[in-house]
Amino acid sequence: MSDDIGWKPVWEINLNFLRASVGFSLGWLMWQAYSPEWFYFGFVSVLCWIGGAKRLIQALWGLMRLLLRKRKLSRYRRQGTTPKADKLAQENDLRARGIIE
């Protein structure tokens, strides 16, 4: 296991935060254009806020998962040394033990 988390989750979290801020900003702009004659701007504004809130929750959830994974990996690393692979059995070792002829 590597301690490196990689770039993919970081990019996903940052893009979700960016999309949330765009959704909230667009919702605010639509709300400023809202008037009784243009009541659809209010409806679109609420939809943008809902979309922004959804993306914000996704970003926070992804950030929490990332931090919990990092904690789990560090707790695993504190348990002991890094695992090492066993050496492969050579043909003469297999013959000496009677596994092959």
PDB file of N, CA and C in Angstrom:
ATOM      1  N   MET A   1       0.843  -1.183   0.000  1.00  0.00           N
ATOM      2  CA  MET A   1       0.000   0.000   0.000  1.00  0.00           C
ATOM      3  C   MET A   1       0.886   1.242   0.000  1.00  0.00           C
ATOM      4  N   SER A   2       0.489   2.170  -0.787  1.00  0.00           N
ATOM      5  CA  SER A   2       1.243   3.404  -0.887  1.00  0.00           C
ATOM      6  C   SER A   2       0.565   4.490  -0.053  1.00  0.00           C
ATOM      7  N   ASP A   3       1.368   5.379   0.502  1.00  0.00           N
ATOM      8  CA  ASP A   3       0.800   6.499   1.249  1.00  0.00           C
ATOM      9  C   ASP A   3       0.297   7.598   0.331  1.00  0.00           C
ATOM     10  N   ASP A   4       0.615   7.487  -0.946  1.00  0.00           N
ATOM     11  CA  ASP A   4       0.195   8.496  -1.910  1.00  0.00           C
ATOM     12  C   ASP A   4      -1.283   8.303  -2.226  1.00  0.00           C
ATOM     13  N   ILE A   5      -2.046   9.386  -2.161  1.00  0.00           N
ATOM     14  CA  ILE A   5      -3.480   9.290  -2.424  1.00  0.00           C
ATOM     15  C   ILE A   5      -3.806   9.447  -3.896  1.00  0.00           C
ATOM     16  N   GLY A   6      -2.875   9.960  -4.673  1.00  0.00           N
ATOM     17  CA  GLY A   6      -3.103  10.142  -6.098  1.00  0.00           C
ATOM     18  C   GLY A   6      -3.784  11.478  -6.392  1.00  0.00           C
ATOM     19  N   TRP A   7      -3.857  11.780  -7.659  1.00  0.00           N
ATOM     20  CA  TRP A   7      -4.434  13.065  -8.069  1.00  0.00           C
ATOM     21  C   TRP A   7      -5.920  12.996  -8.345  1.00  0.00           C
ATOM     22  N   LYS A   8      -6.437  11.832  -8.687  1.00  0.00           N
ATOM     23  CA  LYS A   8      -7.841  11.735  -9.078  1.00  0.00           C
ATOM     24  C   LYS A   8      -8.806  12.208  -7.992  1.00  0.00           C
ATOM     25  N   PRO A   9      -8.696  11.736  -6.748  1.00  0.00           N
ATOM     26  CA  PRO A   9      -9.637  12.223  -5.733  1.00  0.00           C
ATOM     27  C   PRO A   9      -9.481  13.711  -5.439  1.00  0.00           C
ATOM     28  N   VAL A  10      -8.260  14.213  -5.531  1.00  0.00           N
ATOM     29  CA  VAL A  10      -8.032  15.640  -5.279  1.00  0.00           C
ATOM     30  C   VAL A  10      -8.722  16.474  -6.353  1.00  0.00           C
ATOM     31  N   TRP A  11      -8.572  16.051  -7.615  1.00  0.00           N
ATOM     32  CA  TRP A  11      -9.230  16.766  -8.705  1.00  0.00           C
ATOM     33  C   TRP A  11     -10.744  16.693  -8.585  1.00  0.00           C
ATOM     34  N   GLU A  12     -11.275  15.534  -8.212  1.00  0.00           N
ATOM     35  CA  GLU A  12     -12.724  15.394  -8.059  1.00  0.00           C
ATOM     36  C   GLU A  12     -13.265  16.314  -6.978  1.00  0.00           C
ATOM     37  N   ILE A  13     -12.571  16.382  -5.861  1.00  0.00           N
ATOM     38  CA  ILE A  13     -13.016  17.245  -4.763  1.00  0.00           C
ATOM     39  C   ILE A  13     -12.959  18.712  -5.184  1.00  0.00           C
ATOM     40  N   ASN A  14     -11.856  19.112  -5.808  1.00  0.00           N
ATOM     41  CA  ASN A  14     -11.728  20.502  -6.234  1.00  0.00           C
ATOM     42  C   ASN A  14     -12.757  20.867  -7.297  1.00  0.00           C
ATOM     43  N   LEU A  15     -13.023  19.958  -8.238  1.00  0.00           N
ATOM     44  CA  LEU A  15     -14.040  20.243  -9.246  1.00  0.00           C
ATOM     45  C   LEU A  15     -15.430  20.329  -8.643  1.00  0.00           C
ATOM     46  N   ASN A  16     -15.711  19.510  -7.634  1.00  0.00           N
ATOM     47  CA  ASN A  16     -17.005  19.613  -6.969  1.00  0.00           C
ATOM     48  C   ASN A  16     -17.141  20.939  -6.220  1.00  0.00           C
ATOM     49  N   PHE A  17     -16.067  21.391  -5.576  1.00  0.00           N
ATOM     50  CA  PHE A  17     -16.118  22.705  -4.927  1.00  0.00           C
ATOM     51  C   PHE A  17     -16.304  23.813  -5.962  1.00  0.00           C
ATOM     52  N   LEU A  18     -15.637  23.714  -7.105  1.00  0.00           N
ATOM     53  CA  LEU A  18     -15.777  24.715  -8.165  1.00  0.00           C
ATOM     54  C   LEU A  18     -17.201  24.729  -8.717  1.00  0.00           C
ATOM     55  N   ARG A  19     -17.744  23.549  -8.961  1.00  0.00           N
ATOM     56  CA  ARG A  19     -19.114  23.471  -9.478  1.00  0.00           C
ATOM     57  C   ARG A  19     -20.120  23.994  -8.460  1.00  0.00           C
ATOM     58  N   ALA A  20     -19.881  23.747  -7.185  1.00  0.00           N
ATOM     59  CA  ALA A  20     -20.777  24.271  -6.149  1.00  0.00           C
ATOM     60  C   ALA A  20     -20.735  25.792  -6.131  1.00  0.00           C
ATOM     61  N   SER A  21     -19.546  26.368  -6.234  1.00  0.00           N
ATOM     62  CA  SER A  21     -19.462  27.834  -6.219  1.00  0.00           C
ATOM     63  C   SER A  21     -20.095  28.432  -7.469  1.00  0.00           C
ATOM     64  N   VAL A  22     -19.957  27.773  -8.620  1.00  0.00           N
ATOM     65  CA  VAL A  22     -20.612  28.263  -9.839  1.00  0.00           C
ATOM     66  C   VAL A  22     -22.127  28.168  -9.692  1.00  0.00           C
ATOM     67  N   GLY A  23     -22.610  27.077  -9.134  1.00  0.00           N
ATOM     68  CA  GLY A  23     -24.056  26.926  -8.926  1.00  0.00           C
ATOM     69  C   GLY A  23     -24.614  27.975  -7.989  1.00  0.00           C
ATOM     70  N   PHE A  24     -23.933  28.217  -6.874  1.00  0.00           N
ATOM     71  CA  PHE A  24     -24.404  29.240  -5.939  1.00  0.00           C
ATOM     72  C   PHE A  24     -24.325  30.636  -6.552  1.00  0.00           C
ATOM     73  N   SER A  25     -23.265  30.907  -7.309  1.00  0.00           N
ATOM     74  CA  SER A  25     -23.127  32.223  -7.940  1.00  0.00           C
ATOM     75  C   SER A  25     -24.201  32.444  -9.002  1.00  0.00           C
ATOM     76  N   LEU A  26     -24.433  31.427  -9.807  1.00  0.00           N
ATOM     77  CA  LEU A  26     -25.465  31.541 -10.828  1.00  0.00           C
ATOM     78  C   LEU A  26     -26.849  31.684 -10.189  1.00  0.00           C
ATOM     79  N   GLY A  27     -27.068  30.968  -9.109  1.00  0.00           N
ATOM     80  CA  GLY A  27     -28.335  31.113  -8.389  1.00  0.00           C
ATOM     81  C   GLY A  27     -28.513  32.517  -7.840  1.00  0.00           C
ATOM     82  N   TRP A  28     -27.444  33.107  -7.326  1.00  0.00           N
ATOM     83  CA  TRP A  28     -27.528  34.473  -6.806  1.00  0.00           C
ATOM     84  C   TRP A  28     -27.810  35.463  -7.934  1.00  0.00           C
ATOM     85  N   LEU A  29     -27.123  35.271  -9.087  1.00  0.00           N
ATOM     86  CA  LEU A  29     -27.369  36.166 -10.228  1.00  0.00           C
ATOM     87  C   LEU A  29     -28.805  36.054 -10.737  1.00  0.00           C
ATOM     88  N   MET A  30     -29.316  34.848 -10.808  1.00  0.00           N
ATOM     89  CA  MET A  30     -30.701  34.664 -11.255  1.00  0.00           C
ATOM     90  C   MET A  30     -31.687  35.275 -10.258  1.00  0.00           C
ATOM     91  N   TRP A  31     -31.362  35.181  -8.985  1.00  0.00           N
ATOM     92  CA  TRP A  31     -32.242  35.756  -7.980  1.00  0.00           C
ATOM     93  C   TRP A  31     -32.273  37.287  -8.087  1.00  0.00           C
ATOM     94  N   GLN A  32     -31.144  37.879  -8.468  1.00  0.00           N
ATOM     95  CA  GLN A  32     -31.103  39.328  -8.660  1.00  0.00           C
ATOM     96  C   GLN A  32     -31.962  39.755  -9.851  1.00  0.00           C
ATOM     97  N   ALA A  33     -32.100  38.879 -10.860  1.00  0.00           N
ATOM     98  CA  ALA A  33     -32.902  39.182 -12.046  1.00  0.00           C
ATOM     99  C   ALA A  33     -34.381  38.835 -11.840  1.00  0.00           C
ATOM    100  N   TYR A  34     -34.712  38.234 -10.724  1.00  0.00           N
ATOM    101  CA  TYR A  34     -36.088  37.809 -10.453  1.00  0.00           C
ATOM    102  C   TYR A  34     -36.993  39.018 -10.280  1.00  0.00           C
ATOM    103  N   SER A  35     -38.141  38.944 -10.902  1.00  0.00           N
ATOM    104  CA  SER A  35     -39.183  39.963 -10.739  1.00  0.00           C
ATOM    105  C   SER A  35     -40.525  39.293 -11.041  1.00  0.00           C
ATOM    106  N   PRO A  36     -41.630  39.927 -10.720  1.00  0.00           N
ATOM    107  CA  PRO A  36     -42.924  39.290 -11.012  1.00  0.00           C
ATOM    108  C   PRO A  36     -43.131  39.005 -12.506  1.00  0.00           C
ATOM    109  N   GLU A  37     -42.575  39.844 -13.367  1.00  0.00           N
ATOM    110  CA  GLU A  37     -42.715  39.579 -14.799  1.00  0.00           C
ATOM    111  C   GLU A  37     -41.830  38.410 -15.250  1.00  0.00           C
ATOM    112  N   TRP A  38     -40.705  38.247 -14.586  1.00  0.00           N
ATOM    113  CA  TRP A  38     -39.751  37.202 -14.939  1.00  0.00           C
ATOM    114  C   TRP A  38     -39.645  36.199 -13.780  1.00  0.00           C
ATOM    115  N   PHE A  39     -40.753  35.555 -13.474  1.00  0.00           N
ATOM    116  CA  PHE A  39     -40.780  34.662 -12.314  1.00  0.00           C
ATOM    117  C   PHE A  39     -39.982  33.383 -12.533  1.00  0.00           C
ATOM    118  N   TYR A  40     -39.686  33.051 -13.784  1.00  0.00           N
ATOM    119  CA  TYR A  40     -38.881  31.845 -14.046  1.00  0.00           C
ATOM    120  C   TYR A  40     -37.454  31.980 -13.537  1.00  0.00           C
ATOM    121  N   PHE A  41     -36.966  33.216 -13.426  1.00  0.00           N
ATOM    122  CA  PHE A  41     -35.631  33.412 -12.873  1.00  0.00           C
ATOM    123  C   PHE A  41     -35.562  32.924 -11.423  1.00  0.00           C
ATOM    124  N   GLY A  42     -36.626  33.106 -10.674  1.00  0.00           N
ATOM    125  CA  GLY A  42     -36.679  32.605  -9.298  1.00  0.00           C
ATOM    126  C   GLY A  42     -36.628  31.085  -9.267  1.00  0.00           C
ATOM    127  N   PHE A  43     -37.370  30.458 -10.176  1.00  0.00           N
ATOM    128  CA  PHE A  43     -37.371  28.994 -10.261  1.00  0.00           C
ATOM    129  C   PHE A  43     -35.989  28.464 -10.631  1.00  0.00           C
ATOM    130  N   VAL A  44     -35.354  29.065 -11.640  1.00  0.00           N
ATOM    131  CA  VAL A  44     -34.020  28.648 -12.063  1.00  0.00           C
ATOM    132  C   VAL A  44     -33.005  28.905 -10.953  1.00  0.00           C
ATOM    133  N   SER A  45     -33.188  29.999 -10.232  1.00  0.00           N
ATOM    134  CA  SER A  45     -32.294  30.315  -9.118  1.00  0.00           C
ATOM    135  C   SER A  45     -32.347  29.235  -8.045  1.00  0.00           C
ATOM    136  N   VAL A  46     -33.538  28.799  -7.698  1.00  0.00           N
ATOM    137  CA  VAL A  46     -33.678  27.741  -6.688  1.00  0.00           C
ATOM    138  C   VAL A  46     -33.047  26.438  -7.182  1.00  0.00           C
ATOM    139  N   LEU A  47     -33.224  26.125  -8.463  1.00  0.00           N
ATOM    140  CA  LEU A  47     -32.599  24.922  -9.018  1.00  0.00           C
ATOM    141  C   LEU A  47     -31.079  25.016  -8.963  1.00  0.00           C
ATOM    142  N   CYS A  48     -30.530  26.193  -9.250  1.00  0.00           N
ATOM    143  CA  CYS A  48     -29.073  26.369  -9.176  1.00  0.00           C
ATOM    144  C   CYS A  48     -28.582  26.207  -7.744  1.00  0.00           C
ATOM    145  N   TRP A  49     -29.327  26.720  -6.783  1.00  0.00           N
ATOM    146  CA  TRP A  49     -28.925  26.565  -5.384  1.00  0.00           C
ATOM    147  C   TRP A  49     -28.980  25.104  -4.945  1.00  0.00           C
ATOM    148  N   ILE A  50     -29.991  24.395  -5.407  1.00  0.00           N
ATOM    149  CA  ILE A  50     -30.083  22.967  -5.075  1.00  0.00           C
ATOM    150  C   ILE A  50     -28.903  22.211  -5.683  1.00  0.00           C
ATOM    151  N   GLY A  51     -28.579  22.520  -6.943  1.00  0.00           N
ATOM    152  CA  GLY A  51     -27.425  21.879  -7.585  1.00  0.00           C
ATOM    153  C   GLY A  51     -26.118  22.229  -6.888  1.00  0.00           C
ATOM    154  N   GLY A  52     -25.970  23.493  -6.476  1.00  0.00           N
ATOM    155  CA  GLY A  52     -24.770  23.903  -5.753  1.00  0.00           C
ATOM    156  C   GLY A  52     -24.657  23.204  -4.407  1.00  0.00           C
ATOM    157  N   ALA A  53     -25.790  23.073  -3.716  1.00  0.00           N
ATOM    158  CA  ALA A  53     -25.775  22.385  -2.420  1.00  0.00           C
ATOM    159  C   ALA A  53     -25.421  20.911  -2.599  1.00  0.00           C
ATOM    160  N   LYS A  54     -25.941  20.295  -3.661  1.00  0.00           N
ATOM    161  CA  LYS A  54     -25.629  18.887  -3.925  1.00  0.00           C
ATOM    162  C   LYS A  54     -24.133  18.702  -4.181  1.00  0.00           C
ATOM    163  N   ARG A  55     -23.553  19.587  -4.992  1.00  0.00           N
ATOM    164  CA  ARG A  55     -22.119  19.500  -5.269  1.00  0.00           C
ATOM    165  C   ARG A  55     -21.284  19.798  -4.029  1.00  0.00           C
ATOM    166  N   LEU A  56     -21.731  20.711  -3.199  1.00  0.00           N
ATOM    167  CA  LEU A  56     -21.005  21.013  -1.968  1.00  0.00           C
ATOM    168  C   LEU A  56     -21.006  19.808  -1.035  1.00  0.00           C
ATOM    169  N   ILE A  57     -22.141  19.140  -0.932  1.00  0.00           N
ATOM    170  CA  ILE A  57     -22.219  17.940  -0.092  1.00  0.00           C
ATOM    171  C   ILE A  57     -21.323  16.844  -0.658  1.00  0.00           C
ATOM    172  N   GLN A  58     -21.296  16.691  -1.998  1.00  0.00           N
ATOM    173  CA  GLN A  58     -20.418  15.684  -2.611  1.00  0.00           C
ATOM    174  C   GLN A  58     -18.952  16.006  -2.345  1.00  0.00           C
ATOM    175  N   ALA A  59     -18.605  17.281  -2.419  1.00  0.00           N
ATOM    176  CA  ALA A  59     -17.210  17.669  -2.180  1.00  0.00           C
ATOM    177  C   ALA A  59     -16.820  17.416  -0.729  1.00  0.00           C
ATOM    178  N   LEU A  60     -17.689  17.769   0.199  1.00  0.00           N
ATOM    179  CA  LEU A  60     -17.378  17.541   1.615  1.00  0.00           C
ATOM    180  C   LEU A  60     -17.317  16.054   1.934  1.00  0.00           C
ATOM    181  N   TRP A  61     -18.202  15.266   1.328  1.00  0.00           N
ATOM    182  CA  TRP A  61     -18.186  13.816   1.538  1.00  0.00           C
ATOM    183  C   TRP A  61     -16.896  13.216   0.981  1.00  0.00           C
ATOM    184  N   GLY A  62     -16.484  13.655  -0.210  1.00  0.00           N
ATOM    185  CA  GLY A  62     -15.238  13.162  -0.790  1.00  0.00           C
ATOM    186  C   GLY A  62     -14.033  13.550   0.054  1.00  0.00           C
ATOM    187  N   LEU A  63     -14.040  14.759   0.590  1.00  0.00           N
ATOM    188  CA  LEU A  63     -12.952  15.207   1.455  1.00  0.00           C
ATOM    189  C   LEU A  63     -12.904  14.380   2.733  1.00  0.00           C
ATOM    190  N   MET A  64     -14.068  14.089   3.296  1.00  0.00           N
ATOM    191  CA  MET A  64     -14.110  13.272   4.514  1.00  0.00           C
ATOM    192  C   MET A  64     -13.599  11.855   4.224  1.00  0.00           C
ATOM    193  N   ARG A  65     -14.012  11.270   3.092  1.00  0.00           N
ATOM    194  CA  ARG A  65     -13.529   9.931   2.729  1.00  0.00           C
ATOM    195  C   ARG A  65     -12.018   9.927   2.530  1.00  0.00           C
ATOM    196  N   LEU A  66     -11.502  10.981   1.915  1.00  0.00           N
ATOM    197  CA  LEU A  66     -10.067  11.075   1.678  1.00  0.00           C
ATOM    198  C   LEU A  66      -9.303  11.162   3.001  1.00  0.00           C
ATOM    199  N   LEU A  67      -9.787  11.966   3.913  1.00  0.00           N
ATOM    200  CA  LEU A  67      -9.116  12.096   5.210  1.00  0.00           C
ATOM    201  C   LEU A  67      -9.203  10.816   6.030  1.00  0.00           C
ATOM    202  N   LEU A  68     -10.347  10.151   5.981  1.00  0.00           N
ATOM    203  CA  LEU A  68     -10.480   8.889   6.707  1.00  0.00           C
ATOM    204  C   LEU A  68      -9.570   7.812   6.124  1.00  0.00           C
ATOM    205  N   ARG A  69      -9.423   7.792   4.805  1.00  0.00           N
ATOM    206  CA  ARG A  69      -8.513   6.829   4.182  1.00  0.00           C
ATOM    207  C   ARG A  69      -7.072   7.123   4.582  1.00  0.00           C
ATOM    208  N   LYS A  70      -6.715   8.387   4.618  1.00  0.00           N
ATOM    209  CA  LYS A  70      -5.361   8.766   5.014  1.00  0.00           C
ATOM    210  C   LYS A  70      -5.091   8.355   6.471  1.00  0.00           C
ATOM    211  N   ARG A  71      -6.073   8.549   7.343  1.00  0.00           N
ATOM    212  CA  ARG A  71      -5.922   8.122   8.742  1.00  0.00           C
ATOM    213  C   ARG A  71      -5.770   6.613   8.846  1.00  0.00           C
ATOM    214  N   LYS A  72      -6.580   5.892   8.061  1.00  0.00           N
ATOM    215  CA  LYS A  72      -6.517   4.434   8.098  1.00  0.00           C
ATOM    216  C   LYS A  72      -5.149   3.945   7.616  1.00  0.00           C
ATOM    217  N   LEU A  73      -4.637   4.536   6.559  1.00  0.00           N
ATOM    218  CA  LEU A  73      -3.321   4.148   6.063  1.00  0.00           C
ATOM    219  C   LEU A  73      -2.215   4.463   7.063  1.00  0.00           C
ATOM    220  N   SER A  74      -2.293   5.615   7.714  1.00  0.00           N
ATOM    221  CA  SER A  74      -1.251   5.950   8.689  1.00  0.00           C
ATOM    222  C   SER A  74      -1.333   5.039   9.909  1.00  0.00           C
ATOM    223  N   ARG A  75      -2.538   4.658  10.319  1.00  0.00           N
ATOM    224  CA  ARG A  75      -2.692   3.716  11.433  1.00  0.00           C
ATOM    225  C   ARG A  75      -2.132   2.350  11.054  1.00  0.00           C
ATOM    226  N   TYR A  76      -2.345   1.946   9.806  1.00  0.00           N
ATOM    227  CA  TYR A  76      -1.796   0.683   9.322  1.00  0.00           C
ATOM    228  C   TYR A  76      -0.267   0.733   9.295  1.00  0.00           C
ATOM    229  N   ARG A  77       0.293   1.847   8.865  1.00  0.00           N
ATOM    230  CA  ARG A  77       1.753   1.989   8.796  1.00  0.00           C
ATOM    231  C   ARG A  77       2.400   1.967  10.180  1.00  0.00           C
ATOM    232  N   ARG A  78       1.705   2.443  11.186  1.00  0.00           N
ATOM    233  CA  ARG A  78       2.270   2.458  12.541  1.00  0.00           C
ATOM    234  C   ARG A  78       2.322   1.074  13.172  1.00  0.00           C
ATOM    235  N   GLN A  79       1.629   0.098  12.588  1.00  0.00           N
ATOM    236  CA  GLN A  79       1.593  -1.242  13.173  1.00  0.00           C
ATOM    237  C   GLN A  79       2.925  -1.966  13.063  1.00  0.00           C
ATOM    238  N   GLY A  80       3.695  -1.684  12.071  1.00  0.00           N
ATOM    239  CA  GLY A  80       4.965  -2.395  11.932  1.00  0.00           C
ATOM    240  C   GLY A  80       5.704  -1.980  10.683  1.00  0.00           C
ATOM    241  N   THR A  81       6.652  -2.812  10.313  1.00  0.00           N
ATOM    242  CA  THR A  81       7.479  -2.498   9.154  1.00  0.00           C
ATOM    243  C   THR A  81       6.710  -2.776   7.866  1.00  0.00           C
ATOM    244  N   THR A  82       7.264  -2.318   6.782  1.00  0.00           N
ATOM    245  CA  THR A  82       6.628  -2.548   5.490  1.00  0.00           C
ATOM    246  C   THR A  82       6.752  -4.016   5.114  1.00  0.00           C
ATOM    247  N   PRO A  83       5.734  -4.573   4.464  1.00  0.00           N
ATOM    248  CA  PRO A  83       5.787  -5.986   4.094  1.00  0.00           C
ATOM    249  C   PRO A  83       6.850  -6.235   3.039  1.00  0.00           C
ATOM    250  N   LYS A  84       7.451  -7.405   3.112  1.00  0.00           N
ATOM    251  CA  LYS A  84       8.477  -7.793   2.147  1.00  0.00           C
ATOM    252  C   LYS A  84       8.036  -9.079   1.460  1.00  0.00           C
ATOM    253  N   ALA A  85       8.371  -9.202   0.210  1.00  0.00           N
ATOM    254  CA  ALA A  85       7.977 -10.387  -0.556  1.00  0.00           C
ATOM    255  C   ALA A  85       8.936 -11.541  -0.264  1.00  0.00           C
ATOM    256  N   ASP A  86       8.406 -12.752  -0.281  1.00  0.00           N
ATOM    257  CA  ASP A  86       9.241 -13.939  -0.140  1.00  0.00           C
ATOM    258  C   ASP A  86      10.003 -14.167  -1.437  1.00  0.00           C
ATOM    259  N   LYS A  87      11.141 -14.804  -1.317  1.00  0.00           N
ATOM    260  CA  LYS A  87      11.909 -15.128  -2.526  1.00  0.00           C
ATOM    261  C   LYS A  87      11.241 -16.302  -3.215  1.00  0.00           C
ATOM    262  N   LEU A  88      11.397 -16.348  -4.518  1.00  0.00           N
ATOM    263  CA  LEU A  88      10.831 -17.438  -5.296  1.00  0.00           C
ATOM    264  C   LEU A  88      11.650 -18.703  -5.081  1.00  0.00           C
ATOM    265  N   ALA A  89      10.948 -19.826  -5.102  1.00  0.00           N
ATOM    266  CA  ALA A  89      11.628 -21.110  -4.935  1.00  0.00           C
ATOM    267  C   ALA A  89      12.401 -21.447  -6.202  1.00  0.00           C
ATOM    268  N   GLN A  90      13.637 -21.862  -6.020  1.00  0.00           N
ATOM    269  CA  GLN A  90      14.473 -22.262  -7.139  1.00  0.00           C
ATOM    270  C   GLN A  90      14.243 -23.746  -7.425  1.00  0.00           C
ATOM    271  N   GLU A  91      14.641 -24.150  -8.600  1.00  0.00           N
ATOM    272  CA  GLU A  91      14.424 -25.537  -9.002  1.00  0.00           C
ATOM    273  C   GLU A  91      15.194 -26.505  -8.104  1.00  0.00           C
ATOM    274  N   ASN A  92      16.426 -26.160  -7.718  1.00  0.00           N
ATOM    275  CA  ASN A  92      17.198 -27.060  -6.860  1.00  0.00           C
ATOM    276  C   ASN A  92      16.583 -27.167  -5.459  1.00  0.00           C
ATOM    277  N   ASP A  93      15.940 -26.119  -4.959  1.00  0.00           N
ATOM    278  CA  ASP A  93      15.229 -26.209  -3.671  1.00  0.00           C
ATOM    279  C   ASP A  93      14.051 -27.140  -3.773  1.00  0.00           C
ATOM    280  N   LEU A  94      13.304 -27.072  -4.875  1.00  0.00           N
ATOM    281  CA  LEU A  94      12.159 -27.943  -5.069  1.00  0.00           C
ATOM    282  C   LEU A  94      12.599 -29.405  -5.182  1.00  0.00           C
ATOM    283  N   ARG A  95      13.718 -29.650  -5.859  1.00  0.00           N
ATOM    284  CA  ARG A  95      14.256 -31.019  -5.971  1.00  0.00           C
ATOM    285  C   ARG A  95      14.720 -31.528  -4.618  1.00  0.00           C
ATOM    286  N   ALA A  96      15.345 -30.687  -3.833  1.00  0.00           N
ATOM    287  CA  ALA A  96      15.854 -31.102  -2.519  1.00  0.00           C
ATOM    288  C   ALA A  96      14.704 -31.488  -1.594  1.00  0.00           C
ATOM    289  N   ARG A  97      13.578 -30.876  -1.724  1.00  0.00           N
ATOM    290  CA  ARG A  97      12.428 -31.191  -0.862  1.00  0.00           C
ATOM    291  C   ARG A  97      11.546 -32.309  -1.444  1.00  0.00           C
ATOM    292  N   GLY A  98      11.881 -32.769  -2.626  1.00  0.00           N
ATOM    293  CA  GLY A  98      11.131 -33.883  -3.205  1.00  0.00           C
ATOM    294  C   GLY A  98       9.836 -33.473  -3.872  1.00  0.00           C
ATOM    295  N   ILE A  99       9.670 -32.190  -4.179  1.00  0.00           N
ATOM    296  CA  ILE A  99       8.433 -31.741  -4.796  1.00  0.00           C
ATOM    297  C   ILE A  99       8.438 -32.073  -6.286  1.00  0.00           C
ATOM    298  N   ILE A 100       9.579 -31.895  -6.929  1.00  0.00           N
ATOM    299  CA  ILE A 100       9.705 -32.269  -8.323  1.00  0.00           C
ATOM    300  C   ILE A 100      10.875 -33.249  -8.463  1.00  0.00           C
ATOM    301  N   GLU A 101      10.916 -33.941  -9.588  1.00  0.00           N
ATOM    302  CA  GLU A 101      12.007 -34.898  -9.801  1.00  0.00           C
ATOM    303  C   GLU A 101      13.011 -34.372 -10.777  1.00  0.00           C
TER     304      GLU A 101
END
